[in-house]
Amino acid sequence: MARGSAALENAHSPSPARPDRPIDLVHLAKQCLGDANLELEVLRLYDTTIKTYISRLKLATTFDELVINLHSLKGASSGVGAFGIADMAKRAENELRAGRPVTPEQVADIAIAVEEVGVFITGMLKNEPA
């Protein structure tokens, strides 16, 4: 009987591959040394940064343009704890460096993740104390 209930329990638990939040807030807090105001400022800057780089990535046509924008998305995202975007950008950058093209689907997936993070950041900033 215990086996059945454990299996049922695991079937309803959230997937470890899909975090509840698109930004690891614990990681962000550590990066900002627990300063909540700094966290919000970093999120504002990050939101602007990723929107800039995804726009540039969508327009990129050369190897160098693709690599610099993917690498920048990866680095900025890793810094704040947006590991989903960082991982997608890293995979695309690695494929590009291995001689394989970045597909429109990969760019679209990254753009969707950027949009999700933007919505999350907007929600966090709405709750900012005045």
C-alpha atoms as a PDB file:
ATOM      1  CA  MET A   1       0.000   0.000   0.000  1.00  0.00           C
ATOM      2  CA  ALA A   2       2.828   2.414   0.812  1.00  0.00           C
ATOM      3  CA  ARG A   3       4.259   1.964  -2.667  1.00  0.00           C
ATOM      4  CA  GLY A   4       1.017   2.979  -4.313  1.00  0.00           C
ATOM      5  CA  SER A   5       0.650   6.158  -2.260  1.00  0.00           C
ATOM      6  CA  ALA A   6       4.263   7.158  -2.901  1.00  0.00           C
ATOM      7  CA  ALA A   7       3.771   6.705  -6.633  1.00  0.00           C
ATOM      8  CA  LEU A   8       0.580   8.763  -6.487  1.00  0.00           C
ATOM      9  CA  GLU A   9       2.364  11.448  -4.492  1.00  0.00           C
ATOM     10  CA  ASN A  10       5.170  11.645  -7.068  1.00  0.00           C
ATOM     11  CA  ALA A  11       2.703  11.834  -9.936  1.00  0.00           C
ATOM     12  CA  HIS A  12       1.267  15.068  -8.525  1.00  0.00           C
ATOM     13  CA  SER A  13       4.507  16.739  -7.508  1.00  0.00           C
ATOM     14  CA  PRO A  14       5.815  19.530  -9.748  1.00  0.00           C
ATOM     15  CA  SER A  15       8.367  18.585 -12.356  1.00  0.00           C
ATOM     16  CA  PRO A  16      11.934  19.323 -11.254  1.00  0.00           C
ATOM     17  CA  ALA A  17      12.744  20.368 -14.839  1.00  0.00           C
ATOM     18  CA  ARG A  18      10.187  23.211 -14.759  1.00  0.00           C
ATOM     19  CA  PRO A  19      10.761  25.706 -11.939  1.00  0.00           C
ATOM     20  CA  ASP A  20       7.840  27.673 -10.538  1.00  0.00           C
ATOM     21  CA  ARG A  21       9.593  30.958 -11.245  1.00  0.00           C
ATOM     22  CA  PRO A  22      11.627  31.902 -14.318  1.00  0.00           C
ATOM     23  CA  ILE A  23      14.204  33.566 -12.044  1.00  0.00           C
ATOM     24  CA  ASP A  24      15.885  31.849  -9.117  1.00  0.00           C
ATOM     25  CA  LEU A  25      15.204  34.471  -6.448  1.00  0.00           C
ATOM     26  CA  VAL A  26      17.532  32.822  -3.954  1.00  0.00           C
ATOM     27  CA  HIS A  27      20.394  33.114  -6.443  1.00  0.00           C
ATOM     28  CA  LEU A  28      19.466  36.747  -7.136  1.00  0.00           C
ATOM     29  CA  ALA A  29      19.380  37.537  -3.411  1.00  0.00           C
ATOM     30  CA  LYS A  30      22.836  36.029  -2.980  1.00  0.00           C
ATOM     31  CA  GLN A  31      24.169  38.027  -5.919  1.00  0.00           C
ATOM     32  CA  CYS A  32      22.750  41.223  -4.381  1.00  0.00           C
ATOM     33  CA  LEU A  33      23.888  40.340  -0.850  1.00  0.00           C
ATOM     34  CA  GLY A  34      20.298  40.317   0.383  1.00  0.00           C
ATOM     35  CA  ASP A  35      19.620  43.960  -0.582  1.00  0.00           C
ATOM     36  CA  ALA A  36      15.990  43.936  -1.788  1.00  0.00           C
ATOM     37  CA  ASN A  37      16.258  47.369  -3.417  1.00  0.00           C
ATOM     38  CA  LEU A  38      19.343  46.295  -5.329  1.00  0.00           C
ATOM     39  CA  GLU A  39      17.530  43.145  -6.474  1.00  0.00           C
ATOM     40  CA  LEU A  40      14.737  45.247  -7.978  1.00  0.00           C
ATOM     41  CA  GLU A  41      17.203  47.569  -9.685  1.00  0.00           C
ATOM     42  CA  VAL A  42      19.118  44.593 -11.096  1.00  0.00           C
ATOM     43  CA  LEU A  43      15.829  43.141 -12.393  1.00  0.00           C
ATOM     44  CA  ARG A  44      14.966  46.446 -14.100  1.00  0.00           C
ATOM     45  CA  LEU A  45      18.352  46.532 -15.799  1.00  0.00           C
ATOM     46  CA  TYR A  46      18.192  42.846 -16.696  1.00  0.00           C
ATOM     47  CA  ASP A  47      14.743  43.275 -18.261  1.00  0.00           C
ATOM     48  CA  THR A  48      16.035  46.065 -20.501  1.00  0.00           C
ATOM     49  CA  THR A  49      19.173  44.088 -21.334  1.00  0.00           C
ATOM     50  CA  ILE A  50      17.431  40.880 -22.399  1.00  0.00           C
ATOM     51  CA  LYS A  51      14.877  42.765 -24.494  1.00  0.00           C
ATOM     52  CA  THR A  52      17.724  44.523 -26.290  1.00  0.00           C
ATOM     53  CA  TYR A  53      19.655  41.320 -26.937  1.00  0.00           C
ATOM     54  CA  ILE A  54      16.645  39.289 -28.071  1.00  0.00           C
ATOM     55  CA  SER A  55      15.770  42.062 -30.539  1.00  0.00           C
ATOM     56  CA  ARG A  56      19.325  42.004 -31.848  1.00  0.00           C
ATOM     57  CA  LEU A  57      19.310  38.209 -31.989  1.00  0.00           C
ATOM     58  CA  LYS A  58      16.166  38.212 -34.115  1.00  0.00           C
ATOM     59  CA  LEU A  59      17.893  40.548 -36.595  1.00  0.00           C
ATOM     60  CA  ALA A  60      21.297  38.822 -36.545  1.00  0.00           C
ATOM     61  CA  THR A  61      22.512  37.445 -39.846  1.00  0.00           C
ATOM     62  CA  THR A  62      26.212  36.761 -39.307  1.00  0.00           C
ATOM     63  CA  PHE A  63      28.012  34.252 -37.125  1.00  0.00           C
ATOM     64  CA  ASP A  64      29.536  37.037 -35.023  1.00  0.00           C
ATOM     65  CA  GLU A  65      26.180  38.766 -34.462  1.00  0.00           C
ATOM     66  CA  LEU A  66      24.539  35.507 -33.432  1.00  0.00           C
ATOM     67  CA  VAL A  67      27.367  34.506 -31.079  1.00  0.00           C
ATOM     68  CA  ILE A  68      27.640  37.874 -29.325  1.00  0.00           C
ATOM     69  CA  ASN A  69      23.899  38.099 -28.703  1.00  0.00           C
ATOM     70  CA  LEU A  70      23.553  34.506 -27.526  1.00  0.00           C
ATOM     71  CA  HIS A  71      26.612  34.859 -25.305  1.00  0.00           C
ATOM     72  CA  SER A  72      25.306  38.122 -23.840  1.00  0.00           C
ATOM     73  CA  LEU A  73      21.888  36.586 -23.124  1.00  0.00           C
ATOM     74  CA  LYS A  74      23.598  33.616 -21.489  1.00  0.00           C
ATOM     75  CA  GLY A  75      25.824  35.730 -19.275  1.00  0.00           C
ATOM     76  CA  ALA A  76      23.206  38.235 -18.171  1.00  0.00           C
ATOM     77  CA  SER A  77      20.705  35.472 -17.468  1.00  0.00           C
ATOM     78  CA  SER A  78      23.158  33.389 -15.464  1.00  0.00           C
ATOM     79  CA  GLY A  79      23.986  36.392 -13.321  1.00  0.00           C
ATOM     80  CA  VAL A  80      20.422  36.999 -12.161  1.00  0.00           C
ATOM     81  CA  GLY A  81      19.342  33.375 -11.974  1.00  0.00           C
ATOM     82  CA  ALA A  82      17.263  33.134 -15.162  1.00  0.00           C
ATOM     83  CA  PHE A  83      18.754  29.736 -15.834  1.00  0.00           C
ATOM     84  CA  GLY A  84      16.150  28.691 -18.415  1.00  0.00           C
ATOM     85  CA  ILE A  85      17.203  31.482 -20.773  1.00  0.00           C
ATOM     86  CA  ALA A  86      20.864  30.916 -19.952  1.00  0.00           C
ATOM     87  CA  ASP A  87      20.599  27.215 -20.808  1.00  0.00           C
ATOM     88  CA  MET A  88      18.769  27.818 -24.098  1.00  0.00           C
ATOM     89  CA  ALA A  89      21.265  30.486 -25.153  1.00  0.00           C
ATOM     90  CA  LYS A  90      24.177  28.240 -24.174  1.00  0.00           C
ATOM     91  CA  ARG A  91      22.826  25.315 -26.221  1.00  0.00           C
ATOM     92  CA  ALA A  92      22.274  27.537 -29.266  1.00  0.00           C
ATOM     93  CA  GLU A  93      25.724  29.117 -28.886  1.00  0.00           C
ATOM     94  CA  ASN A  94      27.384  25.693 -28.581  1.00  0.00           C
ATOM     95  CA  GLU A  95      25.577  24.412 -31.668  1.00  0.00           C
ATOM     96  CA  LEU A  96      26.569  27.507 -33.609  1.00  0.00           C
ATOM     97  CA  ARG A  97      30.221  27.122 -32.590  1.00  0.00           C
ATOM     98  CA  ALA A  98      30.032  23.452 -33.640  1.00  0.00           C
ATOM     99  CA  GLY A  99      29.043  24.530 -37.154  1.00  0.00           C
ATOM    100  CA  ARG A 100      25.309  23.963 -36.879  1.00  0.00           C
ATOM    101  CA  PRO A 101      22.888  26.811 -37.603  1.00  0.00           C
ATOM    102  CA  VAL A 102      20.695  28.482 -35.023  1.00  0.00           C
ATOM    103  CA  THR A 103      17.158  27.706 -36.115  1.00  0.00           C
ATOM    104  CA  PRO A 104      14.255  30.157 -36.111  1.00  0.00           C
ATOM    105  CA  GLU A 105      12.566  27.815 -33.630  1.00  0.00           C
ATOM    106  CA  GLN A 106      15.458  28.169 -31.189  1.00  0.00           C
ATOM    107  CA  VAL A 107      15.296  31.961 -31.439  1.00  0.00           C
ATOM    108  CA  ALA A 108      11.512  31.844 -30.988  1.00  0.00           C
ATOM    109  CA  ASP A 109      11.854  29.631 -27.899  1.00  0.00           C
ATOM    110  CA  ILE A 110      14.379  32.021 -26.379  1.00  0.00           C
ATOM    111  CA  ALA A 111      12.097  34.962 -27.216  1.00  0.00           C
ATOM    112  CA  ILE A 112       9.172  33.263 -25.442  1.00  0.00           C
ATOM    113  CA  ALA A 113      11.348  32.683 -22.378  1.00  0.00           C
ATOM    114  CA  VAL A 114      12.427  36.339 -22.452  1.00  0.00           C
ATOM    115  CA  GLU A 115       8.777  37.387 -22.605  1.00  0.00           C
ATOM    116  CA  GLU A 116       7.899  35.134 -19.648  1.00  0.00           C
ATOM    117  CA  VAL A 117      10.745  36.588 -17.603  1.00  0.00           C
ATOM    118  CA  GLY A 118       9.636  40.102 -18.543  1.00  0.00           C
ATOM    119  CA  VAL A 119       6.122  39.402 -17.282  1.00  0.00           C
ATOM    120  CA  PHE A 120       7.555  37.958 -14.068  1.00  0.00           C
ATOM    121  CA  ILE A 121       9.764  41.014 -13.530  1.00  0.00           C
ATOM    122  CA  THR A 122       6.858  43.388 -14.187  1.00  0.00           C
ATOM    123  CA  GLY A 123       4.858  41.542 -11.537  1.00  0.00           C
ATOM    124  CA  MET A 124       7.688  41.822  -9.047  1.00  0.00           C
ATOM    125  CA  LEU A 125       8.128  45.529  -9.717  1.00  0.00           C
ATOM    126  CA  LYS A 126       4.384  46.158  -9.216  1.00  0.00           C
ATOM    127  CA  ASN A 127       4.764  44.881  -5.670  1.00  0.00           C
ATOM    128  CA  GLU A 128       7.694  47.206  -5.014  1.00  0.00           C
ATOM    129  CA  PRO A 129       7.260  49.326  -1.886  1.00  0.00           C
ATOM    130  CA  ALA A 130       6.900  53.020  -2.686  1.00  0.00           C
END
